[in-house]
């Protein structure tokens, strides 16, 4: 897997994942919608850790700075 995510993109994804988790565990998002957002947050964290987003590959996007 070739990295296709820059640092700013990873930071934004982690912040959004933390917000989703806070909404879920705070009781604001509940039920199916809460679980969907929690899973989406987990995907954001996972893609941030590996610096690769499969959707970016399909769309042809790359936020990783050039060397």
C-alpha atoms as a PDB file:
ATOM      1  CA  UNK A   1       0.000   0.000   0.000  1.00  0.00           C
ATOM      2  CA  UNK A   2       1.370   3.346  -1.032  1.00  0.00           C
ATOM      3  CA  UNK A   3       0.670   6.155   1.433  1.00  0.00           C
ATOM      4  CA  UNK A   4      -1.894   8.612   0.140  1.00  0.00           C
ATOM      5  CA  UNK A   5      -2.781  10.653   3.249  1.00  0.00           C
ATOM      6  CA  UNK A   6      -1.026  13.749   4.524  1.00  0.00           C
ATOM      7  CA  UNK A   7      -0.581  14.780   8.158  1.00  0.00           C
ATOM      8  CA  UNK A   8      -3.399  17.350   8.145  1.00  0.00           C
ATOM      9  CA  UNK A   9      -5.797  14.763   6.732  1.00  0.00           C
ATOM     10  CA  UNK A  10      -4.817  12.260   9.440  1.00  0.00           C
ATOM     11  CA  UNK A  11      -5.235  14.830  12.229  1.00  0.00           C
ATOM     12  CA  UNK A  12      -8.679  15.863  10.983  1.00  0.00           C
ATOM     13  CA  UNK A  13      -9.804  12.224  10.774  1.00  0.00           C
ATOM     14  CA  UNK A  14      -8.639  11.498  14.323  1.00  0.00           C
ATOM     15  CA  UNK A  15     -10.403  14.601  15.674  1.00  0.00           C
ATOM     16  CA  UNK A  16     -13.627  13.611  13.909  1.00  0.00           C
ATOM     17  CA  UNK A  17     -13.314  10.048  15.255  1.00  0.00           C
ATOM     18  CA  UNK A  18     -12.903  11.381  18.798  1.00  0.00           C
ATOM     19  CA  UNK A  19     -15.978  13.573  18.312  1.00  0.00           C
ATOM     20  CA  UNK A  20     -18.007  10.585  17.059  1.00  0.00           C
ATOM     21  CA  UNK A  21     -16.911   8.498  20.055  1.00  0.00           C
ATOM     22  CA  UNK A  22     -17.785  11.345  22.418  1.00  0.00           C
ATOM     23  CA  UNK A  23     -21.247  11.674  20.919  1.00  0.00           C
ATOM     24  CA  UNK A  24     -21.845   7.942  21.175  1.00  0.00           C
ATOM     25  CA  UNK A  25     -20.534   7.411  24.692  1.00  0.00           C
ATOM     26  CA  UNK A  26     -22.129  10.671  25.848  1.00  0.00           C
ATOM     27  CA  UNK A  27     -25.524   9.294  24.926  1.00  0.00           C
ATOM     28  CA  UNK A  28     -26.246  11.915  22.266  1.00  0.00           C
ATOM     29  CA  UNK A  29     -26.102   9.448  19.364  1.00  0.00           C
ATOM     30  CA  UNK A  30     -27.855   6.210  20.182  1.00  0.00           C
ATOM     31  CA  UNK A  31     -29.213   3.184  18.402  1.00  0.00           C
ATOM     32  CA  UNK A  32     -28.285   2.306  14.862  1.00  0.00           C
ATOM     33  CA  UNK A  33     -27.108   5.826  14.015  1.00  0.00           C
ATOM     34  CA  UNK A  34     -24.752   5.792  16.990  1.00  0.00           C
ATOM     35  CA  UNK A  35     -23.247   2.458  15.989  1.00  0.00           C
ATOM     36  CA  UNK A  36     -22.794   3.621  12.382  1.00  0.00           C
ATOM     37  CA  UNK A  37     -20.922   6.733  13.543  1.00  0.00           C
ATOM     38  CA  UNK A  38     -18.822   4.688  15.973  1.00  0.00           C
ATOM     39  CA  UNK A  39     -17.795   2.268  13.199  1.00  0.00           C
ATOM     40  CA  UNK A  40     -17.072   5.184  10.871  1.00  0.00           C
ATOM     41  CA  UNK A  41     -14.858   6.715  13.567  1.00  0.00           C
ATOM     42  CA  UNK A  42     -12.991   3.417  13.917  1.00  0.00           C
ATOM     43  CA  UNK A  43     -12.411   3.349  10.149  1.00  0.00           C
ATOM     44  CA  UNK A  44     -11.088   6.931  10.324  1.00  0.00           C
ATOM     45  CA  UNK A  45      -8.616   5.967  13.057  1.00  0.00           C
ATOM     46  CA  UNK A  46      -7.496   2.844  11.220  1.00  0.00           C
ATOM     47  CA  UNK A  47      -6.917   4.659   7.932  1.00  0.00           C
ATOM     48  CA  UNK A  48      -5.045   7.409   9.786  1.00  0.00           C
ATOM     49  CA  UNK A  49      -2.730   4.906  11.449  1.00  0.00           C
ATOM     50  CA  UNK A  50      -1.788   3.213   8.171  1.00  0.00           C
ATOM     51  CA  UNK A  51      -1.800   6.489   6.144  1.00  0.00           C
ATOM     52  CA  UNK A  52      -3.828   4.854   3.405  1.00  0.00           C
ATOM     53  CA  UNK A  53      -7.414   5.441   2.328  1.00  0.00           C
ATOM     54  CA  UNK A  54      -8.844   2.975  -0.220  1.00  0.00           C
ATOM     55  CA  UNK A  55     -11.489   5.496  -1.269  1.00  0.00           C
ATOM     56  CA  UNK A  56      -8.756   7.989  -2.214  1.00  0.00           C
ATOM     57  CA  UNK A  57      -7.286   5.357  -4.541  1.00  0.00           C
ATOM     58  CA  UNK A  58     -10.629   4.871  -6.299  1.00  0.00           C
ATOM     59  CA  UNK A  59     -11.128   8.616  -6.720  1.00  0.00           C
ATOM     60  CA  UNK A  60      -7.465   9.304  -7.580  1.00  0.00           C
ATOM     61  CA  UNK A  61      -6.863  11.631  -4.634  1.00  0.00           C
ATOM     62  CA  UNK A  62      -3.556  11.974  -2.804  1.00  0.00           C
ATOM     63  CA  UNK A  63      -3.029  14.373   0.140  1.00  0.00           C
ATOM     64  CA  UNK A  64       0.438  13.057   0.925  1.00  0.00           C
ATOM     65  CA  UNK A  65       3.140  15.684   0.264  1.00  0.00           C
ATOM     66  CA  UNK A  66       5.502  14.992  -2.601  1.00  0.00           C
ATOM     67  CA  UNK A  67       9.084  14.015  -1.788  1.00  0.00           C
END
